[in-house]
Amino acid sequence: MFKNLWPSAIGIRDISLPESIQLARQTGFAGIDFNIREAAALADEHGVGYVRDLFRDADIKPALWSLPVAWRKDQWQEELKELPAFAALGRELGCLRTTSACSPSSDQRPFDENYAWHIERLRPIAQVLSDHGIRFGLEFLGPQNMRPPERHTFIYTLEGMLALLESIGTGNLGLMLDIFHLCASGGNIDDLDSLSADDIVTTHVNDVDKTLNVADYQDLDRGLPMEKGGLPLREFMQKLVNIGYTGPVTCEPFSKRVNAIEDPLEAAQLTASYMDELWRTSDLG
């Protein structure tokens, strides 16, 4: 496993890919999440080798690129036509992961209709990615306030997401596994015993206040890992070790404290300090 930086997850905006790479290098991260459209623009201007060298020269892994298809929106088929070129670039850069998330409720579609709709939208995306050797991670979202009673409940658990991945059936699908969403959904760390490393594309870590009940977990109000003491992070990391997961571990706190920091270096350094503590606590060195 390696510590991975996703700048926008810690409130860093308007930072270029070269700047993100250097920020990760400065603060001790081993990889980054990045925007494939920006990478493609740089490759068009300077060549793919230039983009590849940005990562290589800084010794930073291109860990994951953001899915460039807004599959929930009407224009998704037009963006799907662009996906093969982006997937090919991801492969050239040695970055074989991309991800998205599924809403846990709908104000339009009952469960069965929504299930079929997700397969219809996600299968062609997953197939294009599979054709280029790219793994596609999907995230379930667990908090109760994201599935209010007036809406149709959809998938919000580990078990439910695994079933959807199997139904899509392209063979390159896995989980974007967030400890917060696992616990917010009512799941627990032992649920990971049913997984293999191949079931996980990427992971997210964060924390919640230890005084909160699960019903009170708020998606946009989390903390840095090891900051608040509410999530079993050491056990989570050890389970990942036990199943042989070797991919990125990304801090996604949506923390008001971190988002208020204006200096990108300060925000990344603070995040790195908590990731280092997570590594020490989990006996990862």
C-alpha atoms as a PDB file:
ATOM      1  CA  MET A   1       0.000   0.000   0.000  1.00  0.00           C
ATOM      2  CA  PHE A   2       1.089   3.561  -0.475  1.00  0.00           C
ATOM      3  CA  LYS A   3       0.045   7.012   0.730  1.00  0.00           C
ATOM      4  CA  ASN A   4      -1.777   8.835  -2.026  1.00  0.00           C
ATOM      5  CA  LEU A   5      -2.644  12.520  -2.390  1.00  0.00           C
ATOM      6  CA  TRP A   6      -5.928  13.750  -3.886  1.00  0.00           C
ATOM      7  CA  PRO A   7      -5.521  17.536  -3.697  1.00  0.00           C
ATOM      8  CA  SER A   8      -9.181  18.493  -4.135  1.00  0.00           C
ATOM      9  CA  ALA A   9     -10.211  16.161  -1.289  1.00  0.00           C
ATOM     10  CA  ILE A  10      -8.299  18.399   1.122  1.00  0.00           C
ATOM     11  CA  GLY A  11      -9.589  21.662  -0.308  1.00  0.00           C
ATOM     12  CA  ILE A  12      -6.763  22.376  -2.765  1.00  0.00           C
ATOM     13  CA  ARG A  13      -8.186  23.896  -5.936  1.00  0.00           C
ATOM     14  CA  ASP A  14      -6.703  25.501  -9.040  1.00  0.00           C
ATOM     15  CA  ILE A  15      -3.471  23.539  -8.864  1.00  0.00           C
ATOM     16  CA  SER A  16      -1.940  22.118 -12.029  1.00  0.00           C
ATOM     17  CA  LEU A  17      -0.856  18.530 -12.583  1.00  0.00           C
ATOM     18  CA  PRO A  18       2.871  19.426 -12.434  1.00  0.00           C
ATOM     19  CA  GLU A  19       2.231  21.370  -9.228  1.00  0.00           C
ATOM     20  CA  SER A  20       0.255  18.467  -7.735  1.00  0.00           C
ATOM     21  CA  ILE A  21       3.085  16.067  -8.489  1.00  0.00           C
ATOM     22  CA  GLN A  22       5.640  18.323  -6.860  1.00  0.00           C
ATOM     23  CA  LEU A  23       3.364  18.901  -3.860  1.00  0.00           C
ATOM     24  CA  ALA A  24       3.100  15.155  -3.334  1.00  0.00           C
ATOM     25  CA  ARG A  25       6.881  14.796  -3.595  1.00  0.00           C
ATOM     26  CA  GLN A  26       7.479  17.613  -1.102  1.00  0.00           C
ATOM     27  CA  THR A  27       5.121  16.180   1.503  1.00  0.00           C
ATOM     28  CA  GLY A  28       5.995  12.498   1.381  1.00  0.00           C
ATOM     29  CA  PHE A  29       3.134  11.031  -0.633  1.00  0.00           C
ATOM     30  CA  ALA A  30       3.944   8.251  -3.081  1.00  0.00           C
ATOM     31  CA  GLY A  31       1.169   8.881  -5.615  1.00  0.00           C
ATOM     32  CA  ILE A  32      -1.620  11.214  -6.675  1.00  0.00           C
ATOM     33  CA  ASP A  33      -5.123  11.219  -8.108  1.00  0.00           C
ATOM     34  CA  PHE A  34      -5.277  13.415 -11.208  1.00  0.00           C
ATOM     35  CA  ASN A  35      -7.522  14.762 -13.936  1.00  0.00           C
ATOM     36  CA  ILE A  36      -7.100  12.737 -17.146  1.00  0.00           C
ATOM     37  CA  ARG A  37      -8.409  15.617 -19.274  1.00  0.00           C
ATOM     38  CA  GLU A  38      -5.618  17.853 -18.003  1.00  0.00           C
ATOM     39  CA  ALA A  39      -3.082  15.097 -18.611  1.00  0.00           C
ATOM     40  CA  ALA A  40      -4.427  14.692 -22.158  1.00  0.00           C
ATOM     41  CA  ALA A  41      -4.096  18.426 -22.819  1.00  0.00           C
ATOM     42  CA  LEU A  42      -0.473  18.331 -21.641  1.00  0.00           C
ATOM     43  CA  ALA A  43       0.184  15.256 -23.777  1.00  0.00           C
ATOM     44  CA  ASP A  44      -1.316  16.972 -26.826  1.00  0.00           C
ATOM     45  CA  GLU A  45       0.920  19.987 -26.278  1.00  0.00           C
ATOM     46  CA  HIS A  46       4.163  18.344 -25.191  1.00  0.00           C
ATOM     47  CA  GLY A  47       3.813  14.614 -25.897  1.00  0.00           C
ATOM     48  CA  VAL A  48       2.957  11.658 -23.692  1.00  0.00           C
ATOM     49  CA  GLY A  49       6.607  11.264 -22.745  1.00  0.00           C
ATOM     50  CA  TYR A  50       6.563  14.697 -21.147  1.00  0.00           C
ATOM     51  CA  VAL A  51       3.644  13.747 -18.889  1.00  0.00           C
ATOM     52  CA  ARG A  52       5.188  10.386 -18.067  1.00  0.00           C
ATOM     53  CA  ASP A  53       8.443  12.111 -17.148  1.00  0.00           C
ATOM     54  CA  LEU A  54       6.647  14.490 -14.762  1.00  0.00           C
ATOM     55  CA  PHE A  55       5.758  11.484 -12.641  1.00  0.00           C
ATOM     56  CA  ARG A  56       9.003   9.585 -13.169  1.00  0.00           C
ATOM     57  CA  ASP A  57      11.317  12.487 -12.388  1.00  0.00           C
ATOM     58  CA  ALA A  58       9.489  13.204  -9.125  1.00  0.00           C
ATOM     59  CA  ASP A  59       9.229   9.486  -8.256  1.00  0.00           C
ATOM     60  CA  ILE A  60       5.440   9.862  -7.858  1.00  0.00           C
ATOM     61  CA  LYS A  61       2.996   7.188  -8.970  1.00  0.00           C
ATOM     62  CA  PRO A  62       0.095   8.124 -11.258  1.00  0.00           C
ATOM     63  CA  ALA A  63      -2.307   6.290  -8.958  1.00  0.00           C
ATOM     64  CA  LEU A  64      -5.780   7.063 -10.249  1.00  0.00           C
ATOM     65  CA  TRP A  65      -7.509   9.309 -12.769  1.00  0.00           C
ATOM     66  CA  SER A  66     -10.966  10.771 -12.419  1.00  0.00           C
ATOM     67  CA  LEU A  67     -13.611   9.235 -14.692  1.00  0.00           C
ATOM     68  CA  PRO A  68     -14.261  11.779 -17.482  1.00  0.00           C
ATOM     69  CA  VAL A  69     -17.806  10.548 -18.214  1.00  0.00           C
ATOM     70  CA  ALA A  70     -20.686  12.240 -16.364  1.00  0.00           C
ATOM     71  CA  TRP A  71     -22.798   9.091 -16.674  1.00  0.00           C
ATOM     72  CA  ARG A  72     -25.727  10.469 -14.682  1.00  0.00           C
ATOM     73  CA  LYS A  73     -26.262  13.315 -17.164  1.00  0.00           C
ATOM     74  CA  ASP A  74     -27.816  13.493 -20.618  1.00  0.00           C
ATOM     75  CA  GLN A  75     -24.501  14.090 -22.407  1.00  0.00           C
ATOM     76  CA  TRP A  76     -22.956  10.891 -21.093  1.00  0.00           C
ATOM     77  CA  GLN A  77     -22.955   9.122 -24.472  1.00  0.00           C
ATOM     78  CA  GLU A  78     -21.017  11.957 -26.089  1.00  0.00           C
ATOM     79  CA  GLU A  79     -18.420  11.770 -23.336  1.00  0.00           C
ATOM     80  CA  LEU A  80     -18.357   7.982 -23.669  1.00  0.00           C
ATOM     81  CA  LYS A  81     -17.088   8.439 -27.231  1.00  0.00           C
ATOM     82  CA  GLU A  82     -14.043  10.259 -25.798  1.00  0.00           C
ATOM     83  CA  LEU A  83     -13.301   7.588 -23.213  1.00  0.00           C
ATOM     84  CA  PRO A  84     -11.206   5.231 -25.385  1.00  0.00           C
ATOM     85  CA  ALA A  85      -8.613   7.947 -25.976  1.00  0.00           C
ATOM     86  CA  PHE A  86      -8.447   8.814 -22.275  1.00  0.00           C
ATOM     87  CA  ALA A  87      -8.207   5.144 -21.310  1.00  0.00           C
ATOM     88  CA  ALA A  88      -5.399   4.633 -23.818  1.00  0.00           C
ATOM     89  CA  LEU A  89      -3.538   7.593 -22.300  1.00  0.00           C
ATOM     90  CA  GLY A  90      -4.049   6.230 -18.799  1.00  0.00           C
ATOM     91  CA  ARG A  91      -2.529   2.960 -19.916  1.00  0.00           C
ATOM     92  CA  GLU A  92       0.431   4.734 -21.550  1.00  0.00           C
ATOM     93  CA  LEU A  93       1.047   6.568 -18.286  1.00  0.00           C
ATOM     94  CA  GLY A  94       0.896   3.319 -16.340  1.00  0.00           C
ATOM     95  CA  CYS A  95      -2.225   4.409 -14.473  1.00  0.00           C
ATOM     96  CA  LEU A  96      -4.744   1.576 -14.609  1.00  0.00           C
ATOM     97  CA  ARG A  97      -7.380   2.833 -12.157  1.00  0.00           C
ATOM     98  CA  THR A  98     -10.392   5.108 -12.420  1.00  0.00           C
ATOM     99  CA  THR A  99     -13.432   5.473 -10.167  1.00  0.00           C
ATOM    100  CA  SER A 100     -16.913   6.840  -9.631  1.00  0.00           C
ATOM    101  CA  ALA A 101     -19.629   6.652  -6.978  1.00  0.00           C
ATOM    102  CA  CYS A 102     -23.290   5.633  -6.880  1.00  0.00           C
ATOM    103  CA  SER A 103     -25.930   7.633  -5.057  1.00  0.00           C
ATOM    104  CA  PRO A 104     -27.660   5.645  -2.295  1.00  0.00           C
ATOM    105  CA  SER A 105     -31.104   6.968  -3.164  1.00  0.00           C
ATOM    106  CA  SER A 106     -33.202   8.356  -6.000  1.00  0.00           C
ATOM    107  CA  ASP A 107     -36.172  10.696  -6.190  1.00  0.00           C
ATOM    108  CA  GLN A 108     -37.141   9.262  -9.594  1.00  0.00           C
ATOM    109  CA  ARG A 109     -36.509   5.517  -9.814  1.00  0.00           C
ATOM    110  CA  PRO A 110     -37.566   2.666  -7.514  1.00  0.00           C
ATOM    111  CA  PHE A 111     -34.846   0.135  -6.673  1.00  0.00           C
ATOM    112  CA  ASP A 112     -35.317  -2.381  -9.512  1.00  0.00           C
ATOM    113  CA  GLU A 113     -35.641   0.327 -12.149  1.00  0.00           C
ATOM    114  CA  ASN A 114     -32.615   2.123 -10.743  1.00  0.00           C
ATOM    115  CA  TYR A 115     -30.581  -1.094 -10.689  1.00  0.00           C
ATOM    116  CA  ALA A 116     -31.275  -1.690 -14.379  1.00  0.00           C
ATOM    117  CA  TRP A 117     -30.531   1.974 -15.155  1.00  0.00           C
ATOM    118  CA  HIS A 118     -27.141   1.750 -13.449  1.00  0.00           C
ATOM    119  CA  ILE A 119     -26.215  -1.365 -15.411  1.00  0.00           C
ATOM    120  CA  GLU A 120     -27.309   0.298 -18.659  1.00  0.00           C
ATOM    121  CA  ARG A 121     -25.148   3.350 -17.959  1.00  0.00           C
ATOM    122  CA  LEU A 122     -22.124   1.735 -16.316  1.00  0.00           C
ATOM    123  CA  ARG A 123     -21.620  -1.417 -18.386  1.00  0.00           C
ATOM    124  CA  PRO A 124     -20.549   0.365 -21.613  1.00  0.00           C
ATOM    125  CA  ILE A 125     -18.167   2.551 -19.607  1.00  0.00           C
ATOM    126  CA  ALA A 126     -16.713  -0.473 -17.853  1.00  0.00           C
ATOM    127  CA  GLN A 127     -16.348  -2.304 -21.165  1.00  0.00           C
ATOM    128  CA  VAL A 128     -14.336   0.497 -22.756  1.00  0.00           C
ATOM    129  CA  LEU A 129     -12.098   0.589 -19.704  1.00  0.00           C
ATOM    130  CA  SER A 130     -11.712  -3.190 -19.784  1.00  0.00           C
ATOM    131  CA  ASP A 131     -10.668  -3.041 -23.433  1.00  0.00           C
ATOM    132  CA  HIS A 132      -7.718  -0.888 -22.334  1.00  0.00           C
ATOM    133  CA  GLY A 133      -6.818  -2.822 -19.196  1.00  0.00           C
ATOM    134  CA  ILE A 134      -8.212  -0.202 -16.815  1.00  0.00           C
ATOM    135  CA  ARG A 135      -9.819  -1.197 -13.519  1.00  0.00           C
ATOM    136  CA  PHE A 136     -13.030   0.623 -12.600  1.00  0.00           C
ATOM    137  CA  GLY A 137     -13.824   1.234  -8.935  1.00  0.00           C
ATOM    138  CA  LEU A 138     -17.332   2.081  -7.733  1.00  0.00           C
ATOM    139  CA  GLU A 139     -18.114   3.524  -4.331  1.00  0.00           C
ATOM    140  CA  PHE A 140     -21.177   2.980  -2.179  1.00  0.00           C
ATOM    141  CA  LEU A 141     -22.220   5.876   0.087  1.00  0.00           C
ATOM    142  CA  GLY A 142     -23.390   4.896   3.552  1.00  0.00           C
ATOM    143  CA  PRO A 143     -24.770   7.821   5.618  1.00  0.00           C
ATOM    144  CA  GLN A 144     -28.420   7.589   6.594  1.00  0.00           C
ATOM    145  CA  ASN A 145     -29.112  11.237   5.776  1.00  0.00           C
ATOM    146  CA  MET A 146     -28.291  10.494   2.109  1.00  0.00           C
ATOM    147  CA  ARG A 147     -31.261   8.111   1.864  1.00  0.00           C
ATOM    148  CA  PRO A 148     -34.171  10.018   3.447  1.00  0.00           C
ATOM    149  CA  PRO A 149     -37.575   8.305   3.691  1.00  0.00           C
ATOM    150  CA  GLU A 150     -39.127  10.384   0.926  1.00  0.00           C
ATOM    151  CA  ARG A 151     -36.640   9.004  -1.616  1.00  0.00           C
ATOM    152  CA  HIS A 152     -36.246   5.522  -3.085  1.00  0.00           C
ATOM    153  CA  THR A 153     -33.383   3.738  -1.319  1.00  0.00           C
ATOM    154  CA  PHE A 154     -30.673   2.308  -3.555  1.00  0.00           C
ATOM    155  CA  ILE A 155     -27.372   0.526  -2.905  1.00  0.00           C
ATOM    156  CA  TYR A 156     -25.523   1.786   0.170  1.00  0.00           C
ATOM    157  CA  THR A 157     -23.682  -1.290   1.498  1.00  0.00           C
ATOM    158  CA  LEU A 158     -20.616  -3.337   0.643  1.00  0.00           C
ATOM    159  CA  GLU A 159     -22.738  -6.397  -0.119  1.00  0.00           C
ATOM    160  CA  GLY A 160     -25.079  -4.439  -2.380  1.00  0.00           C
ATOM    161  CA  MET A 161     -22.228  -2.882  -4.342  1.00  0.00           C
ATOM    162  CA  LEU A 162     -20.516  -6.231  -4.859  1.00  0.00           C
ATOM    163  CA  ALA A 163     -23.775  -7.558  -6.314  1.00  0.00           C
ATOM    164  CA  LEU A 164     -23.994  -4.614  -8.727  1.00  0.00           C
ATOM    165  CA  LEU A 165     -20.406  -5.120  -9.844  1.00  0.00           C
ATOM    166  CA  GLU A 166     -21.142  -8.755 -10.583  1.00  0.00           C
ATOM    167  CA  SER A 167     -24.284  -7.812 -12.508  1.00  0.00           C
ATOM    168  CA  ILE A 168     -22.351  -5.361 -14.699  1.00  0.00           C
ATOM    169  CA  GLY A 169     -20.059  -8.265 -15.364  1.00  0.00           C
ATOM    170  CA  THR A 170     -17.163  -6.867 -17.374  1.00  0.00           C
ATOM    171  CA  GLY A 171     -14.505  -8.404 -15.133  1.00  0.00           C
ATOM    172  CA  ASN A 172     -12.570  -5.210 -14.412  1.00  0.00           C
ATOM    173  CA  LEU A 173     -14.794  -3.788 -11.682  1.00  0.00           C
ATOM    174  CA  GLY A 174     -13.982  -3.404  -8.010  1.00  0.00           C
ATOM    175  CA  LEU A 175     -14.627  -1.242  -4.986  1.00  0.00           C
ATOM    176  CA  MET A 176     -13.612   2.264  -4.175  1.00  0.00           C
ATOM    177  CA  LEU A 177     -13.642   1.370  -0.484  1.00  0.00           C
ATOM    178  CA  ASP A 178     -14.024   4.177   2.059  1.00  0.00           C
ATOM    179  CA  ILE A 179     -13.875   3.274   5.755  1.00  0.00           C
ATOM    180  CA  PHE A 180     -16.349   6.056   6.551  1.00  0.00           C
ATOM    181  CA  HIS A 181     -18.972   4.747   4.148  1.00  0.00           C
ATOM    182  CA  LEU A 182     -18.408   1.168   5.304  1.00  0.00           C
ATOM    183  CA  CYS A 183     -19.128   2.133   8.917  1.00  0.00           C
ATOM    184  CA  ALA A 184     -21.880   4.649   8.064  1.00  0.00           C
ATOM    185  CA  SER A 185     -23.733   1.934   6.160  1.00  0.00           C
ATOM    186  CA  GLY A 186     -23.888  -0.264   9.267  1.00  0.00           C
ATOM    187  CA  GLY A 187     -21.031  -2.467   8.089  1.00  0.00           C
ATOM    188  CA  ASN A 188     -17.929  -3.326  10.067  1.00  0.00           C
ATOM    189  CA  ILE A 189     -14.296  -4.166   9.551  1.00  0.00           C
ATOM    190  CA  ASP A 190     -14.893  -7.908   9.603  1.00  0.00           C
ATOM    191  CA  ASP A 191     -16.845  -7.525   6.350  1.00  0.00           C
ATOM    192  CA  LEU A 192     -13.460  -7.155   4.648  1.00  0.00           C
ATOM    193  CA  ASP A 193     -12.694 -10.798   5.414  1.00  0.00           C
ATOM    194  CA  SER A 194     -14.923 -11.755   2.490  1.00  0.00           C
ATOM    195  CA  LEU A 195     -12.842  -9.691   0.048  1.00  0.00           C
ATOM    196  CA  SER A 196      -9.698 -10.359  -1.927  1.00  0.00           C
ATOM    197  CA  ALA A 197      -7.207  -7.753  -3.099  1.00  0.00           C
ATOM    198  CA  ASP A 198      -8.760  -7.990  -6.575  1.00  0.00           C
ATOM    199  CA  ASP A 199     -12.064  -6.724  -5.168  1.00  0.00           C
ATOM    200  CA  ILE A 200     -10.565  -3.321  -4.275  1.00  0.00           C
ATOM    201  CA  VAL A 201      -9.469  -0.697  -6.785  1.00  0.00           C
ATOM    202  CA  THR A 202      -8.650   2.049  -4.278  1.00  0.00           C
ATOM    203  CA  THR A 203      -9.291   3.007  -0.654  1.00  0.00           C
ATOM    204  CA  HIS A 204     -10.180   6.172   1.251  1.00  0.00           C
ATOM    205  CA  VAL A 205      -9.430   6.953   4.895  1.00  0.00           C
ATOM    206  CA  ASN A 206     -10.759   9.646   7.232  1.00  0.00           C
ATOM    207  CA  ASP A 207     -12.273   9.820  10.711  1.00  0.00           C
ATOM    208  CA  VAL A 208     -15.345  10.866  12.715  1.00  0.00           C
ATOM    209  CA  ASP A 209     -15.857  12.077  16.251  1.00  0.00           C
ATOM    210  CA  LYS A 210     -15.949   9.116  18.636  1.00  0.00           C
ATOM    211  CA  THR A 211     -19.018  10.537  20.403  1.00  0.00           C
ATOM    212  CA  LEU A 212     -21.201  10.262  17.287  1.00  0.00           C
ATOM    213  CA  ASN A 213     -23.721   7.513  16.638  1.00  0.00           C
ATOM    214  CA  VAL A 214     -23.703   5.968  13.167  1.00  0.00           C
ATOM    215  CA  ALA A 215     -27.027   7.659  12.394  1.00  0.00           C
ATOM    216  CA  ASP A 216     -25.348  11.045  12.888  1.00  0.00           C
ATOM    217  CA  TYR A 217     -22.463  10.554  10.468  1.00  0.00           C
ATOM    218  CA  GLN A 218     -22.354  13.410   7.938  1.00  0.00           C
ATOM    219  CA  ASP A 219     -20.642  12.916   4.587  1.00  0.00           C
ATOM    220  CA  LEU A 220     -19.239  16.450   4.396  1.00  0.00           C
ATOM    221  CA  ASP A 221     -18.041  16.710   7.981  1.00  0.00           C
ATOM    222  CA  ARG A 222     -15.256  14.218   8.588  1.00  0.00           C
ATOM    223  CA  GLY A 223     -11.753  14.492   9.953  1.00  0.00           C
ATOM    224  CA  LEU A 224      -8.263  13.460   9.008  1.00  0.00           C
ATOM    225  CA  PRO A 225      -7.406   9.836   9.786  1.00  0.00           C
ATOM    226  CA  MET A 226      -6.435   9.389  13.471  1.00  0.00           C
ATOM    227  CA  GLU A 227      -7.756  12.880  14.271  1.00  0.00           C
ATOM    228  CA  LYS A 228     -11.053  12.117  16.035  1.00  0.00           C
ATOM    229  CA  GLY A 229     -10.879   8.504  17.169  1.00  0.00           C
ATOM    230  CA  GLY A 230     -14.258   7.348  15.894  1.00  0.00           C
ATOM    231  CA  LEU A 231     -13.306   4.896  13.142  1.00  0.00           C
ATOM    232  CA  PRO A 232     -11.326   1.627  13.524  1.00  0.00           C
ATOM    233  CA  LEU A 233      -8.551   2.713  11.209  1.00  0.00           C
ATOM    234  CA  ARG A 234      -5.802   0.458  12.547  1.00  0.00           C
ATOM    235  CA  GLU A 235      -8.022  -2.601  12.106  1.00  0.00           C
ATOM    236  CA  PHE A 236      -9.042  -1.419   8.639  1.00  0.00           C
ATOM    237  CA  MET A 237      -5.438  -1.093   7.510  1.00  0.00           C
ATOM    238  CA  GLN A 238      -4.483  -4.448   8.979  1.00  0.00           C
ATOM    239  CA  LYS A 239      -7.365  -6.129   7.154  1.00  0.00           C
ATOM    240  CA  LEU A 240      -6.090  -4.608   3.905  1.00  0.00           C
ATOM    241  CA  VAL A 241      -2.635  -6.006   4.627  1.00  0.00           C
ATOM    242  CA  ASN A 242      -4.096  -9.423   5.385  1.00  0.00           C
ATOM    243  CA  ILE A 243      -5.922  -9.662   2.060  1.00  0.00           C
ATOM    244  CA  GLY A 244      -2.866  -8.507   0.117  1.00  0.00           C
ATOM    245  CA  TYR A 245      -4.053  -5.085  -1.018  1.00  0.00           C
ATOM    246  CA  THR A 246      -1.120  -3.040  -2.374  1.00  0.00           C
ATOM    247  CA  GLY A 247      -2.842  -0.038  -3.961  1.00  0.00           C
ATOM    248  CA  PRO A 248      -3.352   3.604  -3.021  1.00  0.00           C
ATOM    249  CA  VAL A 249      -4.661   4.770   0.339  1.00  0.00           C
ATOM    250  CA  THR A 250      -6.092   8.258  -0.074  1.00  0.00           C
ATOM    251  CA  CYS A 251      -7.157  10.726   2.592  1.00  0.00           C
ATOM    252  CA  GLU A 252     -10.668  12.017   1.863  1.00  0.00           C
ATOM    253  CA  PRO A 253     -11.765  13.977   4.923  1.00  0.00           C
ATOM    254  CA  PHE A 254     -13.956  16.779   3.529  1.00  0.00           C
ATOM    255  CA  SER A 255     -12.637  18.509   6.646  1.00  0.00           C
ATOM    256  CA  LYS A 256     -13.697  22.066   7.388  1.00  0.00           C
ATOM    257  CA  ARG A 257     -10.437  22.497   9.284  1.00  0.00           C
ATOM    258  CA  VAL A 258      -8.299  21.444   6.337  1.00  0.00           C
ATOM    259  CA  ASN A 259     -10.423  23.193   3.712  1.00  0.00           C
ATOM    260  CA  ALA A 260      -9.923  26.478   5.555  1.00  0.00           C
ATOM    261  CA  ILE A 261      -6.154  26.317   4.976  1.00  0.00           C
ATOM    262  CA  GLU A 262      -5.276  28.557   2.054  1.00  0.00           C
ATOM    263  CA  ASP A 263      -1.694  27.409   1.499  1.00  0.00           C
ATOM    264  CA  PRO A 264      -1.617  24.110  -0.471  1.00  0.00           C
ATOM    265  CA  LEU A 265       1.718  23.126   1.077  1.00  0.00           C
ATOM    266  CA  GLU A 266       0.397  23.625   4.607  1.00  0.00           C
ATOM    267  CA  ALA A 267      -2.756  21.613   3.850  1.00  0.00           C
ATOM    268  CA  ALA A 268      -0.770  18.762   2.313  1.00  0.00           C
ATOM    269  CA  GLN A 269       1.785  18.756   5.153  1.00  0.00           C
ATOM    270  CA  LEU A 270      -0.954  18.551   7.769  1.00  0.00           C
ATOM    271  CA  THR A 271      -2.644  15.730   5.886  1.00  0.00           C
ATOM    272  CA  ALA A 272       0.660  13.911   5.500  1.00  0.00           C
ATOM    273  CA  SER A 273       1.315  14.119   9.249  1.00  0.00           C
ATOM    274  CA  TYR A 274      -1.940  12.291   9.992  1.00  0.00           C
ATOM    275  CA  MET A 275      -1.290   9.739   7.250  1.00  0.00           C
ATOM    276  CA  ASP A 276       2.135   9.120   8.790  1.00  0.00           C
ATOM    277  CA  GLU A 277       0.474   8.541  12.155  1.00  0.00           C
ATOM    278  CA  LEU A 278      -1.956   6.104  10.533  1.00  0.00           C
ATOM    279  CA  TRP A 279       1.010   4.194   9.082  1.00  0.00           C
ATOM    280  CA  ARG A 280       2.795   4.103  12.447  1.00  0.00           C
ATOM    281  CA  THR A 281      -0.317   3.038  14.347  1.00  0.00           C
ATOM    282  CA  SER A 282      -0.978   0.308  11.784  1.00  0.00           C
ATOM    283  CA  ASP A 283       2.610  -1.013  12.026  1.00  0.00           C
ATOM    284  CA  LEU A 284       3.290  -0.161   8.395  1.00  0.00           C
ATOM    285  CA  GLY A 285       6.529   1.698   9.048  1.00  0.00           C
END
